[in-house]
N, C-alpha and C. Protein backbone atom coordinates (compact mmCIF):
# COMPACT_ATOMS: atom_id res chain seq x y z
N MET A 1 -7.90 -25.26 10.50
CA MET A 1 -9.15 -24.53 10.45
C MET A 1 -9.77 -24.76 9.07
N LYS A 2 -11.07 -24.98 9.05
CA LYS A 2 -11.77 -25.20 7.80
C LYS A 2 -11.79 -23.91 6.97
N ALA A 3 -11.90 -24.09 5.67
CA ALA A 3 -11.92 -22.94 4.76
C ALA A 3 -13.12 -22.05 5.03
N GLU A 4 -14.28 -22.64 5.32
CA GLU A 4 -15.47 -21.82 5.57
C GLU A 4 -15.32 -21.01 6.85
N ASN A 5 -14.64 -21.56 7.85
CA ASN A 5 -14.43 -20.80 9.09
C ASN A 5 -13.48 -19.63 8.85
N LYS A 6 -12.50 -19.82 8.00
CA LYS A 6 -11.58 -18.72 7.67
C LYS A 6 -12.34 -17.56 7.03
N VAL A 7 -13.28 -17.89 6.17
CA VAL A 7 -14.08 -16.85 5.52
C VAL A 7 -14.91 -16.10 6.56
N PHE A 8 -15.51 -16.82 7.50
CA PHE A 8 -16.31 -16.17 8.53
C PHE A 8 -15.46 -15.27 9.41
N VAL A 9 -14.28 -15.71 9.77
CA VAL A 9 -13.39 -14.91 10.61
C VAL A 9 -12.94 -13.66 9.86
N LYS A 10 -12.57 -13.82 8.59
CA LYS A 10 -12.15 -12.67 7.80
C LYS A 10 -13.27 -11.66 7.66
N SER A 11 -14.48 -12.13 7.40
CA SER A 11 -15.60 -11.19 7.24
C SER A 11 -15.91 -10.50 8.57
N ALA A 12 -15.79 -11.22 9.67
CA ALA A 12 -16.05 -10.62 10.97
C ALA A 12 -15.03 -9.52 11.28
N VAL A 13 -13.76 -9.79 11.00
CA VAL A 13 -12.71 -8.80 11.27
C VAL A 13 -12.89 -7.58 10.37
N MET A 14 -13.14 -7.82 9.10
CA MET A 14 -13.26 -6.70 8.16
C MET A 14 -14.49 -5.83 8.47
N THR A 15 -15.64 -6.45 8.70
CA THR A 15 -16.83 -5.66 8.99
C THR A 15 -16.71 -4.94 10.33
N GLY A 16 -16.10 -5.59 11.31
CA GLY A 16 -15.92 -4.94 12.61
C GLY A 16 -15.02 -3.73 12.53
N LEU A 17 -13.89 -3.88 11.85
CA LEU A 17 -12.97 -2.74 11.72
C LEU A 17 -13.57 -1.62 10.88
N LEU A 18 -14.27 -1.96 9.83
CA LEU A 18 -14.89 -0.94 8.99
C LEU A 18 -15.95 -0.16 9.77
N TYR A 19 -16.80 -0.88 10.50
CA TYR A 19 -17.83 -0.22 11.30
C TYR A 19 -17.20 0.68 12.37
N ALA A 20 -16.20 0.17 13.06
CA ALA A 20 -15.56 0.96 14.12
C ALA A 20 -14.87 2.20 13.55
N ALA A 21 -14.26 2.07 12.37
CA ALA A 21 -13.60 3.21 11.74
C ALA A 21 -14.62 4.27 11.32
N ILE A 22 -15.75 3.83 10.79
CA ILE A 22 -16.79 4.79 10.40
C ILE A 22 -17.33 5.51 11.62
N MET A 23 -17.58 4.77 12.70
CA MET A 23 -18.08 5.39 13.92
C MET A 23 -17.05 6.35 14.52
N ALA A 24 -15.79 5.97 14.50
CA ALA A 24 -14.74 6.85 15.03
C ALA A 24 -14.64 8.12 14.18
N GLY A 25 -14.75 7.98 12.87
CA GLY A 25 -14.73 9.15 11.99
C GLY A 25 -15.91 10.07 12.24
N PHE A 26 -17.08 9.49 12.46
CA PHE A 26 -18.26 10.29 12.76
C PHE A 26 -18.09 11.04 14.07
N GLU A 27 -17.60 10.36 15.10
CA GLU A 27 -17.39 11.01 16.39
C GLU A 27 -16.32 12.10 16.29
N TYR A 28 -15.28 11.85 15.50
CA TYR A 28 -14.21 12.85 15.32
C TYR A 28 -14.76 14.09 14.63
N SER A 29 -15.67 13.89 13.68
CA SER A 29 -16.26 15.03 12.98
C SER A 29 -17.16 15.85 13.91
N GLN A 30 -17.65 15.22 14.97
CA GLN A 30 -18.47 15.91 15.96
C GLN A 30 -17.62 16.63 17.00
N GLY A 31 -16.29 16.46 16.93
CA GLY A 31 -15.39 17.15 17.84
C GLY A 31 -14.97 16.34 19.05
N GLU A 32 -15.32 15.06 19.09
CA GLU A 32 -14.92 14.21 20.22
C GLU A 32 -13.54 13.62 19.97
N ASP A 33 -12.87 13.24 21.04
CA ASP A 33 -11.56 12.62 20.94
C ASP A 33 -11.69 11.15 20.55
N PHE A 34 -10.60 10.61 20.01
CA PHE A 34 -10.55 9.20 19.65
C PHE A 34 -10.32 8.38 20.91
N LYS A 35 -11.15 7.38 21.13
CA LYS A 35 -11.04 6.51 22.30
C LYS A 35 -10.77 5.09 21.81
N ILE A 36 -9.58 4.58 22.11
CA ILE A 36 -9.17 3.27 21.61
C ILE A 36 -10.03 2.15 22.19
N MET A 37 -10.43 2.26 23.44
CA MET A 37 -11.26 1.20 24.04
C MET A 37 -12.64 1.14 23.39
N LYS A 38 -13.20 2.28 23.08
CA LYS A 38 -14.50 2.31 22.41
C LYS A 38 -14.37 1.73 21.00
N PHE A 39 -13.28 2.08 20.31
CA PHE A 39 -13.02 1.55 18.97
C PHE A 39 -12.89 0.03 19.01
N ALA A 40 -12.13 -0.48 19.98
CA ALA A 40 -11.94 -1.93 20.10
C ALA A 40 -13.25 -2.63 20.44
N PHE A 41 -14.03 -2.05 21.34
CA PHE A 41 -15.31 -2.65 21.71
C PHE A 41 -16.25 -2.70 20.51
N LEU A 42 -16.36 -1.60 19.78
CA LEU A 42 -17.25 -1.57 18.62
C LEU A 42 -16.80 -2.58 17.56
N ALA A 43 -15.50 -2.65 17.31
CA ALA A 43 -14.98 -3.58 16.31
C ALA A 43 -15.25 -5.02 16.73
N LEU A 44 -15.00 -5.33 17.98
CA LEU A 44 -15.19 -6.69 18.46
C LEU A 44 -16.67 -7.07 18.49
N PHE A 45 -17.50 -6.22 19.05
CA PHE A 45 -18.92 -6.52 19.18
C PHE A 45 -19.60 -6.65 17.83
N PHE A 46 -19.40 -5.67 16.96
CA PHE A 46 -20.05 -5.70 15.65
C PHE A 46 -19.48 -6.81 14.79
N GLY A 47 -18.17 -7.00 14.82
CA GLY A 47 -17.55 -8.06 14.03
C GLY A 47 -18.01 -9.44 14.47
N LEU A 48 -18.08 -9.66 15.76
CA LEU A 48 -18.55 -10.94 16.27
C LEU A 48 -20.01 -11.17 15.88
N SER A 49 -20.81 -10.15 15.98
CA SER A 49 -22.22 -10.27 15.60
C SER A 49 -22.37 -10.62 14.13
N MET A 50 -21.64 -9.94 13.27
CA MET A 50 -21.72 -10.20 11.83
C MET A 50 -21.17 -11.58 11.48
N GLY A 51 -20.12 -12.00 12.16
CA GLY A 51 -19.57 -13.33 11.92
C GLY A 51 -20.55 -14.43 12.29
N LEU A 52 -21.20 -14.27 13.43
CA LEU A 52 -22.19 -15.26 13.86
C LEU A 52 -23.41 -15.28 12.94
N LEU A 53 -23.85 -14.11 12.51
CA LEU A 53 -24.99 -14.06 11.60
C LEU A 53 -24.67 -14.67 10.24
N SER A 54 -23.48 -14.41 9.74
CA SER A 54 -23.13 -14.99 8.44
C SER A 54 -22.98 -16.50 8.54
N ARG A 55 -22.46 -16.99 9.66
CA ARG A 55 -22.35 -18.44 9.87
C ARG A 55 -23.74 -19.07 9.95
N TYR A 56 -24.64 -18.43 10.66
CA TYR A 56 -26.01 -18.93 10.77
C TYR A 56 -26.68 -18.98 9.40
N ASN A 57 -26.55 -17.91 8.62
CA ASN A 57 -27.16 -17.88 7.29
C ASN A 57 -26.57 -18.93 6.37
N TYR A 58 -25.28 -19.16 6.47
CA TYR A 58 -24.63 -20.18 5.66
C TYR A 58 -25.15 -21.57 6.00
N LYS A 59 -25.22 -21.87 7.29
CA LYS A 59 -25.73 -23.17 7.74
C LYS A 59 -27.20 -23.34 7.34
N LYS A 60 -27.97 -22.29 7.44
CA LYS A 60 -29.38 -22.33 7.08
C LYS A 60 -29.53 -22.62 5.58
N GLY A 61 -28.68 -22.02 4.78
CA GLY A 61 -28.70 -22.27 3.34
C GLY A 61 -28.33 -23.70 3.00
N LEU A 62 -27.38 -24.26 3.74
CA LEU A 62 -27.01 -25.66 3.52
C LEU A 62 -28.16 -26.60 3.87
N ARG A 63 -28.82 -26.32 4.98
CA ARG A 63 -29.96 -27.17 5.37
C ARG A 63 -31.08 -27.09 4.33
N LYS A 64 -31.32 -25.89 3.82
CA LYS A 64 -32.37 -25.71 2.82
C LYS A 64 -32.01 -26.45 1.53
N ALA A 65 -30.74 -26.38 1.15
CA ALA A 65 -30.30 -27.08 -0.06
C ALA A 65 -30.41 -28.58 0.11
N ASP A 66 -30.10 -29.10 1.29
CA ASP A 66 -30.23 -30.53 1.55
C ASP A 66 -31.70 -30.96 1.52
N LYS A 67 -32.56 -30.13 2.08
CA LYS A 67 -33.99 -30.45 2.13
C LYS A 67 -34.61 -30.43 0.74
N ASP A 68 -34.24 -29.45 -0.06
CA ASP A 68 -34.78 -29.32 -1.41
C ASP A 68 -34.14 -30.28 -2.39
N GLY A 69 -32.98 -30.78 -2.05
CA GLY A 69 -32.24 -31.63 -2.97
C GLY A 69 -31.54 -30.84 -4.07
N SER A 70 -31.41 -29.53 -3.85
CA SER A 70 -30.76 -28.69 -4.84
C SER A 70 -29.26 -28.62 -4.58
N LYS A 71 -28.59 -27.89 -5.43
CA LYS A 71 -27.15 -27.73 -5.34
C LYS A 71 -26.80 -26.91 -4.10
N PRO A 72 -25.83 -27.35 -3.27
CA PRO A 72 -25.47 -26.57 -2.08
C PRO A 72 -24.79 -25.25 -2.45
N ILE A 73 -24.77 -24.36 -1.49
CA ILE A 73 -24.14 -23.05 -1.68
C ILE A 73 -22.64 -23.24 -1.89
N SER A 74 -22.10 -22.53 -2.88
CA SER A 74 -20.66 -22.64 -3.14
C SER A 74 -19.89 -21.79 -2.14
N LYS A 75 -18.63 -22.14 -1.94
CA LYS A 75 -17.77 -21.43 -0.98
C LYS A 75 -17.07 -20.29 -1.63
């Protein structure tokens, strides 16, 4: 696996778990029970979305750097 893909996967997992934990904490403070399937869905959906967006932004930055002839984005 490429180093840049590892970074995208790590960021997707971390943001997904953090978002799901915050949402679970908010629901718990409202008096609702913890639902593992909802937690997993939120973590997967949000993490995948953030991973894809960060990959898109990274690729877009590389294309812009190539077009401008400037220094590419560092890893």
